[in-house]
Amino acid sequence: MNKENTEALIKRFPNLYQGCGLSPKESNMCFGFECGDGWFDLIEELSTKLEPMGVIATQVKEKYGGLRFYVASATDEAWDLIDEAEEKSEAICETCGDPGRLRTNQGWDKTLCDACGAVV
């Protein structure tokens, strides 16, 4: 994710993303959001719901073409929200945010729209 979107999420949700200022030994959030900007709105929506619950993110990334949102601990309600967002990511282009689908290219899975998928 680009620097501006990363900074916007960290500023708006400082408790959720408090690991962004830690070392790699303490939190994988030090690497930022390891996914494309197309999922910014999805992550922002999820963050809006999780921040008041006191959840702390430990890593946010793309894996096997979908969003993976790891936390230190969470309630069942928070886990349900995370599962829902991860499932939604499989239909949103990771690059641009348009509707997309899972594509495999040279062994790598990515969720992309037709336009972004044609570039890969």
C-alpha atoms as a PDB file:
ATOM      1  CA  MET A   1       0.000   0.000   0.000  1.00  0.00           C
ATOM      2  CA  ASN A   2       1.289   3.446  -0.788  1.00  0.00           C
ATOM      3  CA  LYS A   3       2.696   5.775   1.853  1.00  0.00           C
ATOM      4  CA  GLU A   4      -0.283   8.175   1.903  1.00  0.00           C
ATOM      5  CA  ASN A   5      -2.860   5.417   2.444  1.00  0.00           C
ATOM      6  CA  THR A   6      -0.650   3.757   5.061  1.00  0.00           C
ATOM      7  CA  GLU A   7      -0.246   7.010   6.978  1.00  0.00           C
ATOM      8  CA  ALA A   8      -3.978   7.726   6.753  1.00  0.00           C
ATOM      9  CA  LEU A   9      -4.883   4.368   8.315  1.00  0.00           C
ATOM     10  CA  ILE A  10      -2.273   4.658  11.066  1.00  0.00           C
ATOM     11  CA  LYS A  11      -3.363   8.228  11.906  1.00  0.00           C
ATOM     12  CA  ARG A  12      -7.083   7.423  11.945  1.00  0.00           C
ATOM     13  CA  PHE A  13      -6.709   4.132  13.863  1.00  0.00           C
ATOM     14  CA  PRO A  14      -3.688   4.592  16.158  1.00  0.00           C
ATOM     15  CA  ASN A  15      -4.664   1.932  18.681  1.00  0.00           C
ATOM     16  CA  LEU A  16      -5.435  -0.737  16.101  1.00  0.00           C
ATOM     17  CA  TYR A  17      -2.162  -0.116  14.260  1.00  0.00           C
ATOM     18  CA  GLN A  18       0.069   0.685  17.231  1.00  0.00           C
ATOM     19  CA  GLY A  19       2.494  -2.025  16.078  1.00  0.00           C
ATOM     20  CA  CYS A  20       3.535   0.084  13.087  1.00  0.00           C
ATOM     21  CA  GLY A  21       6.128   1.835  15.219  1.00  0.00           C
ATOM     22  CA  LEU A  22       7.581  -1.343  16.716  1.00  0.00           C
ATOM     23  CA  SER A  23      10.504  -3.504  15.622  1.00  0.00           C
ATOM     24  CA  PRO A  24      10.057  -6.681  13.543  1.00  0.00           C
ATOM     25  CA  LYS A  25      10.651  -8.706  16.711  1.00  0.00           C
ATOM     26  CA  GLU A  26       7.615  -7.072  18.298  1.00  0.00           C
ATOM     27  CA  SER A  27       5.118  -6.807  15.430  1.00  0.00           C
ATOM     28  CA  ASN A  28       4.907  -7.501  11.706  1.00  0.00           C
ATOM     29  CA  MET A  29       2.975  -4.225  11.407  1.00  0.00           C
ATOM     30  CA  CYS A  30       6.389  -2.554  11.214  1.00  0.00           C
ATOM     31  CA  PHE A  31       6.298  -3.591   7.533  1.00  0.00           C
ATOM     32  CA  GLY A  32       3.088  -1.622   6.991  1.00  0.00           C
ATOM     33  CA  PHE A  33       0.204  -2.884   4.911  1.00  0.00           C
ATOM     34  CA  GLU A  34       1.591  -5.569   2.630  1.00  0.00           C
ATOM     35  CA  CYS A  35      -1.112  -5.338  -0.011  1.00  0.00           C
ATOM     36  CA  GLY A  36      -2.249  -3.115  -2.854  1.00  0.00           C
ATOM     37  CA  ASP A  37      -4.134   0.166  -2.600  1.00  0.00           C
ATOM     38  CA  GLY A  38      -7.264  -1.398  -4.073  1.00  0.00           C
ATOM     39  CA  TRP A  39      -8.126  -2.826  -0.670  1.00  0.00           C
ATOM     40  CA  PHE A  40      -7.779   0.513   1.139  1.00  0.00           C
ATOM     41  CA  ASP A  41     -11.552   1.064   1.451  1.00  0.00           C
ATOM     42  CA  LEU A  42     -12.094  -2.505   2.650  1.00  0.00           C
ATOM     43  CA  ILE A  43      -9.360  -2.182   5.295  1.00  0.00           C
ATOM     44  CA  GLU A  44     -10.654   1.238   6.354  1.00  0.00           C
ATOM     45  CA  GLU A  45     -14.176  -0.158   6.758  1.00  0.00           C
ATOM     46  CA  LEU A  46     -12.890  -3.081   8.831  1.00  0.00           C
ATOM     47  CA  SER A  47     -10.655  -0.791  10.888  1.00  0.00           C
ATOM     48  CA  THR A  48     -13.624   1.465  11.712  1.00  0.00           C
ATOM     49  CA  LYS A  49     -15.377  -1.543  13.231  1.00  0.00           C
ATOM     50  CA  LEU A  50     -12.357  -3.029  15.021  1.00  0.00           C
ATOM     51  CA  GLU A  51     -10.785   0.096  16.568  1.00  0.00           C
ATOM     52  CA  PRO A  52     -13.529   0.587  19.209  1.00  0.00           C
ATOM     53  CA  MET A  53     -13.246  -3.100  20.171  1.00  0.00           C
ATOM     54  CA  GLY A  54      -9.664  -2.681  21.365  1.00  0.00           C
ATOM     55  CA  VAL A  55      -8.236  -5.091  18.798  1.00  0.00           C
ATOM     56  CA  ILE A  56      -4.533  -4.734  17.921  1.00  0.00           C
ATOM     57  CA  ALA A  57      -3.441  -5.693  14.403  1.00  0.00           C
ATOM     58  CA  THR A  58      -0.210  -7.668  14.135  1.00  0.00           C
ATOM     59  CA  GLN A  59      -0.066  -8.018  10.341  1.00  0.00           C
ATOM     60  CA  VAL A  60      -2.124  -6.983   7.315  1.00  0.00           C
ATOM     61  CA  LYS A  61      -1.163  -8.514   3.985  1.00  0.00           C
ATOM     62  CA  GLU A  62      -2.147 -10.316   0.813  1.00  0.00           C
ATOM     63  CA  LYS A  63      -1.765 -14.089   0.827  1.00  0.00           C
ATOM     64  CA  TYR A  64      -3.028 -16.539  -1.791  1.00  0.00           C
ATOM     65  CA  GLY A  65      -4.843 -13.681  -3.506  1.00  0.00           C
ATOM     66  CA  GLY A  66      -6.869 -12.599  -0.482  1.00  0.00           C
ATOM     67  CA  LEU A  67      -6.575 -10.202   2.421  1.00  0.00           C
ATOM     68  CA  ARG A  68      -5.131 -11.631   5.628  1.00  0.00           C
ATOM     69  CA  PHE A  69      -5.725  -9.572   8.747  1.00  0.00           C
ATOM     70  CA  TYR A  70      -3.904 -10.927  11.803  1.00  0.00           C
ATOM     71  CA  VAL A  71      -4.567  -9.679  15.339  1.00  0.00           C
ATOM     72  CA  ALA A  72      -3.142 -10.296  18.802  1.00  0.00           C
ATOM     73  CA  SER A  73      -6.510 -11.426  20.166  1.00  0.00           C
ATOM     74  CA  ALA A  74     -10.144 -10.736  19.431  1.00  0.00           C
ATOM     75  CA  THR A  75     -13.716 -11.472  20.394  1.00  0.00           C
ATOM     76  CA  ASP A  76     -15.875 -13.767  18.286  1.00  0.00           C
ATOM     77  CA  GLU A  77     -17.570 -10.657  16.867  1.00  0.00           C
ATOM     78  CA  ALA A  78     -14.221  -9.224  15.772  1.00  0.00           C
ATOM     79  CA  TRP A  79     -13.162 -12.538  14.206  1.00  0.00           C
ATOM     80  CA  ASP A  80     -16.448 -12.605  12.277  1.00  0.00           C
ATOM     81  CA  LEU A  81     -15.767  -9.090  10.947  1.00  0.00           C
ATOM     82  CA  ILE A  82     -12.237 -10.088   9.922  1.00  0.00           C
ATOM     83  CA  ASP A  83     -13.501 -13.242   8.190  1.00  0.00           C
ATOM     84  CA  GLU A  84     -16.115 -11.185   6.325  1.00  0.00           C
ATOM     85  CA  ALA A  85     -13.527  -8.653   5.114  1.00  0.00           C
ATOM     86  CA  GLU A  86     -11.128 -11.400   4.035  1.00  0.00           C
ATOM     87  CA  GLU A  87     -13.927 -13.033   2.048  1.00  0.00           C
ATOM     88  CA  LYS A  88     -14.912  -9.705   0.433  1.00  0.00           C
ATOM     89  CA  SER A  89     -11.303  -9.159  -0.658  1.00  0.00           C
ATOM     90  CA  GLU A  90     -11.588 -12.142  -2.979  1.00  0.00           C
ATOM     91  CA  ALA A  91     -13.957 -10.111  -5.169  1.00  0.00           C
ATOM     92  CA  ILE A  92     -12.115  -6.743  -5.066  1.00  0.00           C
ATOM     93  CA  CYS A  93      -9.140  -5.923  -7.276  1.00  0.00           C
ATOM     94  CA  GLU A  94      -6.143  -5.521  -4.994  1.00  0.00           C
ATOM     95  CA  THR A  95      -4.630  -2.977  -7.383  1.00  0.00           C
ATOM     96  CA  CYS A  96      -7.490  -0.578  -8.163  1.00  0.00           C
ATOM     97  CA  GLY A  97     -10.498  -1.553  -6.004  1.00  0.00           C
ATOM     98  CA  ASP A  98     -12.833  -2.441  -8.883  1.00  0.00           C
ATOM     99  CA  PRO A  99     -14.678  -5.774  -8.867  1.00  0.00           C
ATOM    100  CA  GLY A 100     -12.177  -8.549  -9.430  1.00  0.00           C
ATOM    101  CA  ARG A 101     -11.605 -12.273  -9.309  1.00  0.00           C
ATOM    102  CA  LEU A 102      -8.840 -14.616  -8.292  1.00  0.00           C
ATOM    103  CA  ARG A 103      -6.232 -15.134 -11.012  1.00  0.00           C
ATOM    104  CA  THR A 104      -3.168 -17.327 -11.086  1.00  0.00           C
ATOM    105  CA  ASN A 105      -0.080 -16.255 -13.017  1.00  0.00           C
ATOM    106  CA  GLN A 106       3.182 -18.181 -12.856  1.00  0.00           C
ATOM    107  CA  GLY A 107       2.193 -19.750  -9.544  1.00  0.00           C
ATOM    108  CA  TRP A 108       1.085 -16.508  -7.872  1.00  0.00           C
ATOM    109  CA  ASP A 109      -2.535 -15.881  -6.885  1.00  0.00           C
ATOM    110  CA  LYS A 110      -3.885 -12.319  -7.065  1.00  0.00           C
ATOM    111  CA  THR A 111      -7.375 -10.883  -7.027  1.00  0.00           C
ATOM    112  CA  LEU A 112      -7.564  -8.506  -9.968  1.00  0.00           C
ATOM    113  CA  CYS A 113     -10.103  -6.899 -12.293  1.00  0.00           C
ATOM    114  CA  ASP A 114      -9.957  -7.569 -16.035  1.00  0.00           C
ATOM    115  CA  ALA A 115      -7.940  -4.403 -16.751  1.00  0.00           C
ATOM    116  CA  CYS A 116      -5.335  -4.976 -14.017  1.00  0.00           C
ATOM    117  CA  GLY A 117      -5.259  -8.691 -14.784  1.00  0.00           C
ATOM    118  CA  ALA A 118      -4.333  -7.952 -18.390  1.00  0.00           C
ATOM    119  CA  VAL A 119      -1.236  -6.052 -17.223  1.00  0.00           C
ATOM    120  CA  VAL A 120       0.120  -8.928 -15.114  1.00  0.00           C
END
